[in-house]
């Protein structure tokens, strides 16, 4: 059974992964574009962490959509994925609120 919310969530995380990969490409192949305010190494480390988290969520959503009975996903992994989603939503909300306060 395909759930439109799961499909939308999957699309969101795939787009986010593509953005991270694009930023990694810039950091690794054109580090002069990154700027001086952040260490390129620190940025790359953070991007790889973000990429790992996104890939984990993508895998969990794909397994959920496919309904694979042989899946190794357990309740703890799903809870971690939900916590990650909530964390990212809160960060986006905080950033949006900060942007609105600067207007």
PDB file of N, CA and C in Angstrom:
ATOM      1  N   UNK A   1       0.850  -1.179   0.000  1.00  0.00           N
ATOM      2  CA  UNK A   1       0.000   0.000   0.000  1.00  0.00           C
ATOM      3  C   UNK A   1       0.893   1.239   0.000  1.00  0.00           C
ATOM      4  N   UNK A   2       0.683   2.111  -0.942  1.00  0.00           N
ATOM      5  CA  UNK A   2       1.478   3.322  -1.015  1.00  0.00           C
ATOM      6  C   UNK A   2       0.771   4.450  -0.277  1.00  0.00           C
ATOM      7  N   UNK A   3       1.511   5.096   0.571  1.00  0.00           N
ATOM      8  CA  UNK A   3       0.996   6.179   1.388  1.00  0.00           C
ATOM      9  C   UNK A   3       1.560   7.488   0.836  1.00  0.00           C
ATOM     10  N   UNK A   4       0.720   8.462   0.471  1.00  0.00           N
ATOM     11  CA  UNK A   4       1.227   9.708  -0.096  1.00  0.00           C
ATOM     12  C   UNK A   4       2.130  10.477   0.875  1.00  0.00           C
ATOM     13  N   UNK A   5       1.883  10.329   2.165  1.00  0.00           N
ATOM     14  CA  UNK A   5       2.745  11.018   3.141  1.00  0.00           C
ATOM     15  C   UNK A   5       4.143  10.401   3.130  1.00  0.00           C
ATOM     16  N   UNK A   6       4.209   9.070   3.056  1.00  0.00           N
ATOM     17  CA  UNK A   6       5.520   8.411   2.979  1.00  0.00           C
ATOM     18  C   UNK A   6       6.235   8.770   1.684  1.00  0.00           C
ATOM     19  N   UNK A   7       5.480   8.806   0.576  1.00  0.00           N
ATOM     20  CA  UNK A   7       6.095   9.170  -0.701  1.00  0.00           C
ATOM     21  C   UNK A   7       6.630  10.606  -0.671  1.00  0.00           C
ATOM     22  N   UNK A   8       5.867  11.521  -0.068  1.00  0.00           N
ATOM     23  CA  UNK A   8       6.317  12.916   0.041  1.00  0.00           C
ATOM     24  C   UNK A   8       7.540  13.016   0.944  1.00  0.00           C
ATOM     25  N   UNK A   9       7.518  12.259   2.027  1.00  0.00           N
ATOM     26  CA  UNK A   9       8.672  12.255   2.937  1.00  0.00           C
ATOM     27  C   UNK A   9       9.909  11.717   2.227  1.00  0.00           C
ATOM     28  N   UNK A  10       9.732  10.652   1.468  1.00  0.00           N
ATOM     29  CA  UNK A  10      10.845  10.083   0.717  1.00  0.00           C
ATOM     30  C   UNK A  10      11.393  11.106  -0.280  1.00  0.00           C
ATOM     31  N   UNK A  11      10.525  11.770  -0.992  1.00  0.00           N
ATOM     32  CA  UNK A  11      10.955  12.806  -1.954  1.00  0.00           C
ATOM     33  C   UNK A  11      11.739  13.904  -1.252  1.00  0.00           C
ATOM     34  N   UNK A  12      11.264  14.302  -0.084  1.00  0.00           N
ATOM     35  CA  UNK A  12      11.943  15.349   0.690  1.00  0.00           C
ATOM     36  C   UNK A  12      13.371  14.930   1.021  1.00  0.00           C
ATOM     37  N   UNK A  13      13.529  13.705   1.553  1.00  0.00           N
ATOM     38  CA  UNK A  13      14.862  13.259   1.964  1.00  0.00           C
ATOM     39  C   UNK A  13      15.776  12.972   0.782  1.00  0.00           C
ATOM     40  N   UNK A  14      15.220  12.546  -0.336  1.00  0.00           N
ATOM     41  CA  UNK A  14      16.040  12.359  -1.533  1.00  0.00           C
ATOM     42  C   UNK A  14      16.544  13.712  -2.028  1.00  0.00           C
ATOM     43  N   UNK A  15      15.678  14.716  -2.029  1.00  0.00           N
ATOM     44  CA  UNK A  15      16.095  16.066  -2.440  1.00  0.00           C
ATOM     45  C   UNK A  15      17.152  16.607  -1.484  1.00  0.00           C
ATOM     46  N   UNK A  16      16.959  16.366  -0.194  1.00  0.00           N
ATOM     47  CA  UNK A  16      17.927  16.828   0.795  1.00  0.00           C
ATOM     48  C   UNK A  16      19.276  16.127   0.576  1.00  0.00           C
ATOM     49  N   UNK A  17      19.231  14.817   0.280  1.00  0.00           N
ATOM     50  CA  UNK A  17      20.459  14.068   0.015  1.00  0.00           C
ATOM     51  C   UNK A  17      21.171  14.636  -1.212  1.00  0.00           C
ATOM     52  N   UNK A  18      20.409  14.947  -2.258  1.00  0.00           N
ATOM     53  CA  UNK A  18      21.009  15.517  -3.468  1.00  0.00           C
ATOM     54  C   UNK A  18      21.674  16.856  -3.173  1.00  0.00           C
ATOM     55  N   UNK A  19      21.051  17.652  -2.325  1.00  0.00           N
ATOM     56  CA  UNK A  19      21.636  18.940  -1.937  1.00  0.00           C
ATOM     57  C   UNK A  19      22.946  18.721  -1.174  1.00  0.00           C
ATOM     58  N   UNK A  20      22.951  17.777  -0.257  1.00  0.00           N
ATOM     59  CA  UNK A  20      24.165  17.472   0.510  1.00  0.00           C
ATOM     60  C   UNK A  20      25.274  16.997  -0.418  1.00  0.00           C
ATOM     61  N   UNK A  21      24.933  16.120  -1.354  1.00  0.00           N
ATOM     62  CA  UNK A  21      25.933  15.630  -2.304  1.00  0.00           C
ATOM     63  C   UNK A  21      26.494  16.762  -3.152  1.00  0.00           C
ATOM     64  N   UNK A  22      25.639  17.700  -3.527  1.00  0.00           N
ATOM     65  CA  UNK A  22      26.086  18.859  -4.294  1.00  0.00           C
ATOM     66  C   UNK A  22      27.058  19.707  -3.474  1.00  0.00           C
ATOM     67  N   UNK A  23      26.713  19.932  -2.208  1.00  0.00           N
ATOM     68  CA  UNK A  23      27.592  20.713  -1.336  1.00  0.00           C
ATOM     69  C   UNK A  23      28.914  19.992  -1.097  1.00  0.00           C
ATOM     70  N   UNK A  24      28.865  18.662  -0.943  1.00  0.00           N
ATOM     71  CA  UNK A  24      30.093  17.889  -0.777  1.00  0.00           C
ATOM     72  C   UNK A  24      30.981  18.015  -2.005  1.00  0.00           C
ATOM     73  N   UNK A  25      30.368  17.961  -3.174  1.00  0.00           N
ATOM     74  CA  UNK A  25      31.122  18.096  -4.421  1.00  0.00           C
ATOM     75  C   UNK A  25      31.854  19.436  -4.458  1.00  0.00           C
ATOM     76  N   UNK A  26      31.169  20.486  -4.059  1.00  0.00           N
ATOM     77  CA  UNK A  26      31.795  21.816  -4.042  1.00  0.00           C
ATOM     78  C   UNK A  26      32.938  21.855  -3.038  1.00  0.00           C
ATOM     79  N   UNK A  27      32.684  21.341  -1.825  1.00  0.00           N
ATOM     80  CA  UNK A  27      33.718  21.362  -0.782  1.00  0.00           C
ATOM     81  C   UNK A  27      34.945  20.562  -1.190  1.00  0.00           C
ATOM     82  N   UNK A  28      34.723  19.423  -1.823  1.00  0.00           N
ATOM     83  CA  UNK A  28      35.836  18.543  -2.160  1.00  0.00           C
ATOM     84  C   UNK A  28      36.553  18.937  -3.438  1.00  0.00           C
ATOM     85  N   UNK A  29      35.834  19.511  -4.394  1.00  0.00           N
ATOM     86  CA  UNK A  29      36.432  19.806  -5.690  1.00  0.00           C
ATOM     87  C   UNK A  29      36.713  21.286  -5.928  1.00  0.00           C
ATOM     88  N   UNK A  30      36.038  22.162  -5.179  1.00  0.00           N
ATOM     89  CA  UNK A  30      36.242  23.602  -5.346  1.00  0.00           C
ATOM     90  C   UNK A  30      36.201  24.283  -3.973  1.00  0.00           C
ATOM     91  N   UNK A  31      37.112  23.911  -3.067  1.00  0.00           N
ATOM     92  CA  UNK A  31      37.041  24.422  -1.695  1.00  0.00           C
ATOM     93  C   UNK A  31      37.142  25.938  -1.592  1.00  0.00           C
ATOM     94  N   UNK A  32      37.678  26.588  -2.614  1.00  0.00           N
ATOM     95  CA  UNK A  32      37.762  28.048  -2.569  1.00  0.00           C
ATOM     96  C   UNK A  32      36.377  28.687  -2.612  1.00  0.00           C
ATOM     97  N   UNK A  33      35.373  27.959  -3.080  1.00  0.00           N
ATOM     98  CA  UNK A  33      34.002  28.481  -3.137  1.00  0.00           C
ATOM     99  C   UNK A  33      33.315  28.471  -1.778  1.00  0.00           C
ATOM    100  N   UNK A  34      33.869  27.719  -0.819  1.00  0.00           N
ATOM    101  CA  UNK A  34      33.219  27.547   0.475  1.00  0.00           C
ATOM    102  C   UNK A  34      33.279  28.826   1.300  1.00  0.00           C
ATOM    103  N   UNK A  35      34.357  29.570   1.188  1.00  0.00           N
ATOM    104  CA  UNK A  35      34.492  30.789   1.971  1.00  0.00           C
ATOM    105  C   UNK A  35      35.363  30.566   3.186  1.00  0.00           C
ATOM    106  N   UNK A  36      35.648  31.649   3.887  1.00  0.00           N
ATOM    107  CA  UNK A  36      36.585  31.601   5.001  1.00  0.00           C
ATOM    108  C   UNK A  36      35.917  31.459   6.356  1.00  0.00           C
ATOM    109  N   UNK A  37      34.608  31.611   6.438  1.00  0.00           N
ATOM    110  CA  UNK A  37      33.948  31.624   7.737  1.00  0.00           C
ATOM    111  C   UNK A  37      33.874  30.233   8.371  1.00  0.00           C
ATOM    112  N   UNK A  38      34.015  29.178   7.567  1.00  0.00           N
ATOM    113  CA  UNK A  38      33.909  27.817   8.076  1.00  0.00           C
ATOM    114  C   UNK A  38      35.078  26.998   7.552  1.00  0.00           C
ATOM    115  N   UNK A  39      35.633  26.160   8.401  1.00  0.00           N
ATOM    116  CA  UNK A  39      36.678  25.246   7.972  1.00  0.00           C
ATOM    117  C   UNK A  39      36.084  24.264   6.973  1.00  0.00           C
ATOM    118  N   UNK A  40      36.746  24.078   5.848  1.00  0.00           N
ATOM    119  CA  UNK A  40      36.255  23.148   4.832  1.00  0.00           C
ATOM    120  C   UNK A  40      36.182  21.745   5.434  1.00  0.00           C
ATOM    121  N   UNK A  41      37.168  21.375   6.224  1.00  0.00           N
ATOM    122  CA  UNK A  41      37.166  20.050   6.847  1.00  0.00           C
ATOM    123  C   UNK A  41      35.968  19.880   7.761  1.00  0.00           C
ATOM    124  N   UNK A  42      35.694  20.885   8.591  1.00  0.00           N
ATOM    125  CA  UNK A  42      34.532  20.808   9.482  1.00  0.00           C
ATOM    126  C   UNK A  42      33.238  20.703   8.686  1.00  0.00           C
ATOM    127  N   UNK A  43      33.157  21.443   7.611  1.00  0.00           N
ATOM    128  CA  UNK A  43      31.958  21.417   6.776  1.00  0.00           C
ATOM    129  C   UNK A  43      31.771  20.033   6.143  1.00  0.00           C
ATOM    130  N   UNK A  44      32.859  19.450   5.644  1.00  0.00           N
ATOM    131  CA  UNK A  44      32.789  18.126   5.011  1.00  0.00           C
ATOM    132  C   UNK A  44      32.365  17.073   6.039  1.00  0.00           C
ATOM    133  N   UNK A  45      32.914  17.147   7.243  1.00  0.00           N
ATOM    134  CA  UNK A  45      32.546  16.200   8.301  1.00  0.00           C
ATOM    135  C   UNK A  45      31.059  16.306   8.599  1.00  0.00           C
ATOM    136  N   UNK A  46      30.548  17.540   8.732  1.00  0.00           N
ATOM    137  CA  UNK A  46      29.121  17.725   9.005  1.00  0.00           C
ATOM    138  C   UNK A  46      28.270  17.205   7.848  1.00  0.00           C
ATOM    139  N   UNK A  47      28.705  17.467   6.629  1.00  0.00           N
ATOM    140  CA  UNK A  47      27.936  17.006   5.465  1.00  0.00           C
ATOM    141  C   UNK A  47      27.877  15.484   5.396  1.00  0.00           C
ATOM    142  N   UNK A  48      28.985  14.803   5.717  1.00  0.00           N
ATOM    143  CA  UNK A  48      28.959  13.343   5.719  1.00  0.00           C
ATOM    144  C   UNK A  48      28.035  12.813   6.814  1.00  0.00           C
ATOM    145  N   UNK A  49      28.010  13.471   7.964  1.00  0.00           N
ATOM    146  CA  UNK A  49      27.091  13.068   9.029  1.00  0.00           C
ATOM    147  C   UNK A  49      25.645  13.249   8.570  1.00  0.00           C
ATOM    148  N   UNK A  50      25.365  14.413   7.975  1.00  0.00           N
ATOM    149  CA  UNK A  50      24.018  14.676   7.455  1.00  0.00           C
ATOM    150  C   UNK A  50      23.633  13.665   6.380  1.00  0.00           C
ATOM    151  N   UNK A  51      24.583  13.329   5.515  1.00  0.00           N
ATOM    152  CA  UNK A  51      24.330  12.362   4.448  1.00  0.00           C
ATOM    153  C   UNK A  51      23.992  10.992   5.032  1.00  0.00           C
ATOM    154  N   UNK A  52      24.728  10.594   6.028  1.00  0.00           N
ATOM    155  CA  UNK A  52      24.473   9.314   6.681  1.00  0.00           C
ATOM    156  C   UNK A  52      23.072   9.273   7.292  1.00  0.00           C
ATOM    157  N   UNK A  53      22.704  10.327   7.999  1.00  0.00           N
ATOM    158  CA  UNK A  53      21.372  10.395   8.616  1.00  0.00           C
ATOM    159  C   UNK A  53      20.276  10.356   7.552  1.00  0.00           C
ATOM    160  N   UNK A  54      20.454  11.124   6.482  1.00  0.00           N
ATOM    161  CA  UNK A  54      19.460  11.139   5.404  1.00  0.00           C
ATOM    162  C   UNK A  54      19.324   9.776   4.759  1.00  0.00           C
ATOM    163  N   UNK A  55      20.447   9.128   4.488  1.00  0.00           N
ATOM    164  CA  UNK A  55      20.390   7.809   3.862  1.00  0.00           C
ATOM    165  C   UNK A  55      19.684   6.797   4.758  1.00  0.00           C
ATOM    166  N   UNK A  56      19.902   6.891   6.071  1.00  0.00           N
ATOM    167  CA  UNK A  56      19.217   5.985   6.998  1.00  0.00           C
ATOM    168  C   UNK A  56      17.708   6.190   6.934  1.00  0.00           C
ATOM    169  N   UNK A  57      17.280   7.452   6.934  1.00  0.00           N
ATOM    170  CA  UNK A  57      15.845   7.746   6.870  1.00  0.00           C
ATOM    171  C   UNK A  57      15.269   7.275   5.531  1.00  0.00           C
ATOM    172  N   UNK A  58      15.977   7.520   4.446  1.00  0.00           N
ATOM    173  CA  UNK A  58      15.526   7.080   3.121  1.00  0.00           C
ATOM    174  C   UNK A  58      15.344   5.561   3.106  1.00  0.00           C
ATOM    175  N   UNK A  59      16.310   4.844   3.652  1.00  0.00           N
ATOM    176  CA  UNK A  59      16.208   3.380   3.683  1.00  0.00           C
ATOM    177  C   UNK A  59      14.991   2.928   4.482  1.00  0.00           C
ATOM    178  N   UNK A  60      14.766   3.560   5.618  1.00  0.00           N
ATOM    179  CA  UNK A  60      13.625   3.186   6.460  1.00  0.00           C
ATOM    180  C   UNK A  60      12.308   3.470   5.738  1.00  0.00           C
ATOM    181  N   UNK A  61      12.210   4.630   5.105  1.00  0.00           N
ATOM    182  CA  UNK A  61      10.977   4.966   4.382  1.00  0.00           C
ATOM    183  C   UNK A  61      10.761   3.995   3.218  1.00  0.00           C
ATOM    184  N   UNK A  62      11.820   3.688   2.479  1.00  0.00           N
ATOM    185  CA  UNK A  62      11.690   2.750   1.359  1.00  0.00           C
ATOM    186  C   UNK A  62      11.210   1.390   1.854  1.00  0.00           C
ATOM    187  N   UNK A  63      11.780   0.924   2.944  1.00  0.00           N
ATOM    188  CA  UNK A  63      11.362  -0.366   3.498  1.00  0.00           C
ATOM    189  C   UNK A  63       9.901  -0.310   3.936  1.00  0.00           C
ATOM    190  N   UNK A  64       9.491   0.819   4.498  1.00  0.00           N
ATOM    191  CA  UNK A  64       8.105   0.973   4.940  1.00  0.00           C
ATOM    192  C   UNK A  64       7.166   0.962   3.742  1.00  0.00           C
ATOM    193  N   UNK A  65       7.531   1.683   2.682  1.00  0.00           N
ATOM    194  CA  UNK A  65       6.702   1.730   1.476  1.00  0.00           C
ATOM    195  C   UNK A  65       6.612   0.351   0.835  1.00  0.00           C
ATOM    196  N   UNK A  66       7.732  -0.342   0.772  1.00  0.00           N
ATOM    197  CA  UNK A  66       7.744  -1.657   0.138  1.00  0.00           C
ATOM    198  C   UNK A  66       7.062  -2.702   1.010  1.00  0.00           C
ATOM    199  N   UNK A  67       6.977  -2.422   2.309  1.00  0.00           N
ATOM    200  CA  UNK A  67       6.359  -3.382   3.211  1.00  0.00           C
ATOM    201  C   UNK A  67       7.104  -4.702   3.247  1.00  0.00           C
ATOM    202  N   UNK A  68       8.405  -4.615   3.138  1.00  0.00           N
ATOM    203  CA  UNK A  68       9.241  -5.805   3.097  1.00  0.00           C
ATOM    204  C   UNK A  68       9.184  -6.541   4.429  1.00  0.00           C
ATOM    205  N   UNK A  69       8.609  -7.735   4.424  1.00  0.00           N
ATOM    206  CA  UNK A  69       8.484  -8.515   5.653  1.00  0.00           C
ATOM    207  C   UNK A  69       9.828  -9.021   6.146  1.00  0.00           C
ATOM    208  N   UNK A  70      10.797  -9.102   5.282  1.00  0.00           N
ATOM    209  CA  UNK A  70      12.121  -9.583   5.681  1.00  0.00           C
ATOM    210  C   UNK A  70      13.032  -8.444   6.117  1.00  0.00           C
ATOM    211  N   UNK A  71      12.467  -7.284   6.293  1.00  0.00           N
ATOM    212  CA  UNK A  71      13.244  -6.104   6.653  1.00  0.00           C
ATOM    213  C   UNK A  71      13.905  -6.285   8.012  1.00  0.00           C
ATOM    214  N   UNK A  72      15.091  -5.710   8.136  1.00  0.00           N
ATOM    215  CA  UNK A  72      15.812  -5.728   9.406  1.00  0.00           C
ATOM    216  C   UNK A  72      15.494  -4.504  10.245  1.00  0.00           C
ATOM    217  N   UNK A  73      14.544  -3.716   9.824  1.00  0.00           N
ATOM    218  CA  UNK A  73      14.189  -2.506  10.557  1.00  0.00           C
ATOM    219  C   UNK A  73      13.462  -2.896  11.822  1.00  0.00           C
ATOM    220  N   UNK A  74      13.905  -2.315  12.937  1.00  0.00           N
ATOM    221  CA  UNK A  74      13.210  -2.586  14.182  1.00  0.00           C
ATOM    222  C   UNK A  74      12.590  -1.295  14.704  1.00  0.00           C
ATOM    223  N   UNK A  75      11.834  -1.418  15.772  1.00  0.00           N
ATOM    224  CA  UNK A  75      11.138  -0.256  16.326  1.00  0.00           C
ATOM    225  C   UNK A  75      12.082   0.862  16.712  1.00  0.00           C
ATOM    226  N   UNK A  76      13.266   0.515  17.233  1.00  0.00           N
ATOM    227  CA  UNK A  76      14.226   1.534  17.655  1.00  0.00           C
ATOM    228  C   UNK A  76      14.702   2.365  16.467  1.00  0.00           C
ATOM    229  N   UNK A  77      14.954   1.715  15.332  1.00  0.00           N
ATOM    230  CA  UNK A  77      15.383   2.450  14.139  1.00  0.00           C
ATOM    231  C   UNK A  77      14.291   3.397  13.661  1.00  0.00           C
ATOM    232  N   UNK A  78      13.050   2.964  13.724  1.00  0.00           N
ATOM    233  CA  UNK A  78      11.941   3.829  13.314  1.00  0.00           C
ATOM    234  C   UNK A  78      11.836   5.020  14.261  1.00  0.00           C
ATOM    235  N   UNK A  79      11.976   4.770  15.550  1.00  0.00           N
ATOM    236  CA  UNK A  79      11.932   5.869  16.533  1.00  0.00           C
ATOM    237  C   UNK A  79      13.053   6.861  16.252  1.00  0.00           C
ATOM    238  N   UNK A  80      14.251   6.367  15.959  1.00  0.00           N
ATOM    239  CA  UNK A  80      15.378   7.258  15.646  1.00  0.00           C
ATOM    240  C   UNK A  80      15.074   8.083  14.392  1.00  0.00           C
ATOM    241  N   UNK A  81      14.479   7.456  13.388  1.00  0.00           N
ATOM    242  CA  UNK A  81      14.137   8.179  12.160  1.00  0.00           C
ATOM    243  C   UNK A  81      13.109   9.265  12.441  1.00  0.00           C
ATOM    244  N   UNK A  82      12.101   8.936  13.241  1.00  0.00           N
ATOM    245  CA  UNK A  82      11.079   9.922  13.586  1.00  0.00           C
ATOM    246  C   UNK A  82      11.698  11.063  14.384  1.00  0.00           C
ATOM    247  N   UNK A  83      12.586  10.741  15.331  1.00  0.00           N
ATOM    248  CA  UNK A  83      13.259  11.786  16.111  1.00  0.00           C
ATOM    249  C   UNK A  83      14.088  12.691  15.205  1.00  0.00           C
ATOM    250  N   UNK A  84      14.769  12.105  14.223  1.00  0.00           N
ATOM    251  CA  UNK A  84      15.560  12.894  13.281  1.00  0.00           C
ATOM    252  C   UNK A  84      14.663  13.815  12.469  1.00  0.00           C
ATOM    253  N   UNK A  85      13.549  13.297  12.003  1.00  0.00           N
ATOM    254  CA  UNK A  85      12.606  14.113  11.236  1.00  0.00           C
ATOM    255  C   UNK A  85      12.105  15.269  12.097  1.00  0.00           C
ATOM    256  N   UNK A  86      11.727  14.967  13.346  1.00  0.00           N
ATOM    257  CA  UNK A  86      11.240  16.022  14.247  1.00  0.00           C
ATOM    258  C   UNK A  86      12.323  17.059  14.516  1.00  0.00           C
ATOM    259  N   UNK A  87      13.561  16.610  14.700  1.00  0.00           N
ATOM    260  CA  UNK A  87      14.668  17.533  14.939  1.00  0.00           C
ATOM    261  C   UNK A  87      14.855  18.471  13.744  1.00  0.00           C
ATOM    262  N   UNK A  88      14.835  17.906  12.540  1.00  0.00           N
ATOM    263  CA  UNK A  88      15.031  18.721  11.349  1.00  0.00           C
ATOM    264  C   UNK A  88      13.869  19.685  11.143  1.00  0.00           C
ATOM    265  N   UNK A  89      12.660  19.240  11.431  1.00  0.00           N
ATOM    266  CA  UNK A  89      11.512  20.142  11.318  1.00  0.00           C
ATOM    267  C   UNK A  89      11.624  21.282  12.313  1.00  0.00           C
ATOM    268  N   UNK A  90      12.059  20.982  13.544  1.00  0.00           N
ATOM    269  CA  UNK A  90      12.239  22.029  14.553  1.00  0.00           C
ATOM    270  C   UNK A  90      13.331  23.010  14.151  1.00  0.00           C
ATOM    271  N   UNK A  91      14.420  22.500  13.578  1.00  0.00           N
ATOM    272  CA  UNK A  91      15.501  23.373  13.121  1.00  0.00           C
ATOM    273  C   UNK A  91      15.024  24.289  12.004  1.00  0.00           C
ATOM    274  N   UNK A  92      14.240  23.720  11.067  1.00  0.00           N
ATOM    275  CA  UNK A  92      13.706  24.536   9.974  1.00  0.00           C
ATOM    276  C   UNK A  92      12.747  25.592  10.513  1.00  0.00           C
ATOM    277  N   UNK A  93      11.937  25.209  11.490  1.00  0.00           N
ATOM    278  CA  UNK A  93      10.982  26.139  12.092  1.00  0.00           C
ATOM    279  C   UNK A  93      11.724  27.258  12.827  1.00  0.00           C
ATOM    280  N   UNK A  94      12.764  26.897  13.576  1.00  0.00           N
ATOM    281  CA  UNK A  94      13.560  27.888  14.300  1.00  0.00           C
ATOM    282  C   UNK A  94      14.245  28.838  13.329  1.00  0.00           C
ATOM    283  N   UNK A  95      14.790  28.287  12.257  1.00  0.00           N
ATOM    284  CA  UNK A  95      15.460  29.114  11.255  1.00  0.00           C
ATOM    285  C   UNK A  95      14.442  30.065  10.601  1.00  0.00           C
ATOM    286  N   UNK A  96      13.272  29.538  10.286  1.00  0.00           N
ATOM    287  CA  UNK A  96      12.240  30.360   9.659  1.00  0.00           C
ATOM    288  C   UNK A  96      11.814  31.487  10.598  1.00  0.00           C
ATOM    289  N   UNK A  97      11.624  31.155  11.871  1.00  0.00           N
ATOM    290  CA  UNK A  97      11.262  32.166  12.858  1.00  0.00           C
ATOM    291  C   UNK A  97      12.366  33.213  13.016  1.00  0.00           C
ATOM    292  N   UNK A  98      13.613  32.769  12.964  1.00  0.00           N
ATOM    293  CA  UNK A  98      14.726  33.709  13.037  1.00  0.00           C
ATOM    294  C   UNK A  98      14.781  34.618  11.836  1.00  0.00           C
ATOM    295  N   UNK A  99      14.490  34.064  10.650  1.00  0.00           N
ATOM    296  CA  UNK A  99      14.467  34.869   9.435  1.00  0.00           C
ATOM    297  C   UNK A  99      13.349  35.902   9.501  1.00  0.00           C
ATOM    298  N   UNK A 100      12.187  35.509  10.051  1.00  0.00           N
ATOM    299  CA  UNK A 100      11.071  36.436  10.170  1.00  0.00           C
ATOM    300  C   UNK A 100      11.366  37.544  11.167  1.00  0.00           C
ATOM    301  N   UNK A 101      12.125  37.237  12.218  1.00  0.00           N
ATOM    302  CA  UNK A 101      12.457  38.242  13.217  1.00  0.00           C
ATOM    303  C   UNK A 101      13.473  39.248  12.683  1.00  0.00           C
ATOM    304  N   UNK A 102      14.247  38.842  11.662  1.00  0.00           N
ATOM    305  CA  UNK A 102      15.246  39.739  11.096  1.00  0.00           C
ATOM    306  C   UNK A 102      14.650  40.687  10.064  1.00  0.00           C
ATOM    307  N   UNK A 103      13.419  40.461   9.666  1.00  0.00           N
ATOM    308  CA  UNK A 103      12.780  41.308   8.654  1.00  0.00           C
ATOM    309  C   UNK A 103      12.345  42.641   9.222  1.00  0.00           C
TER     310      UNK A 103
END
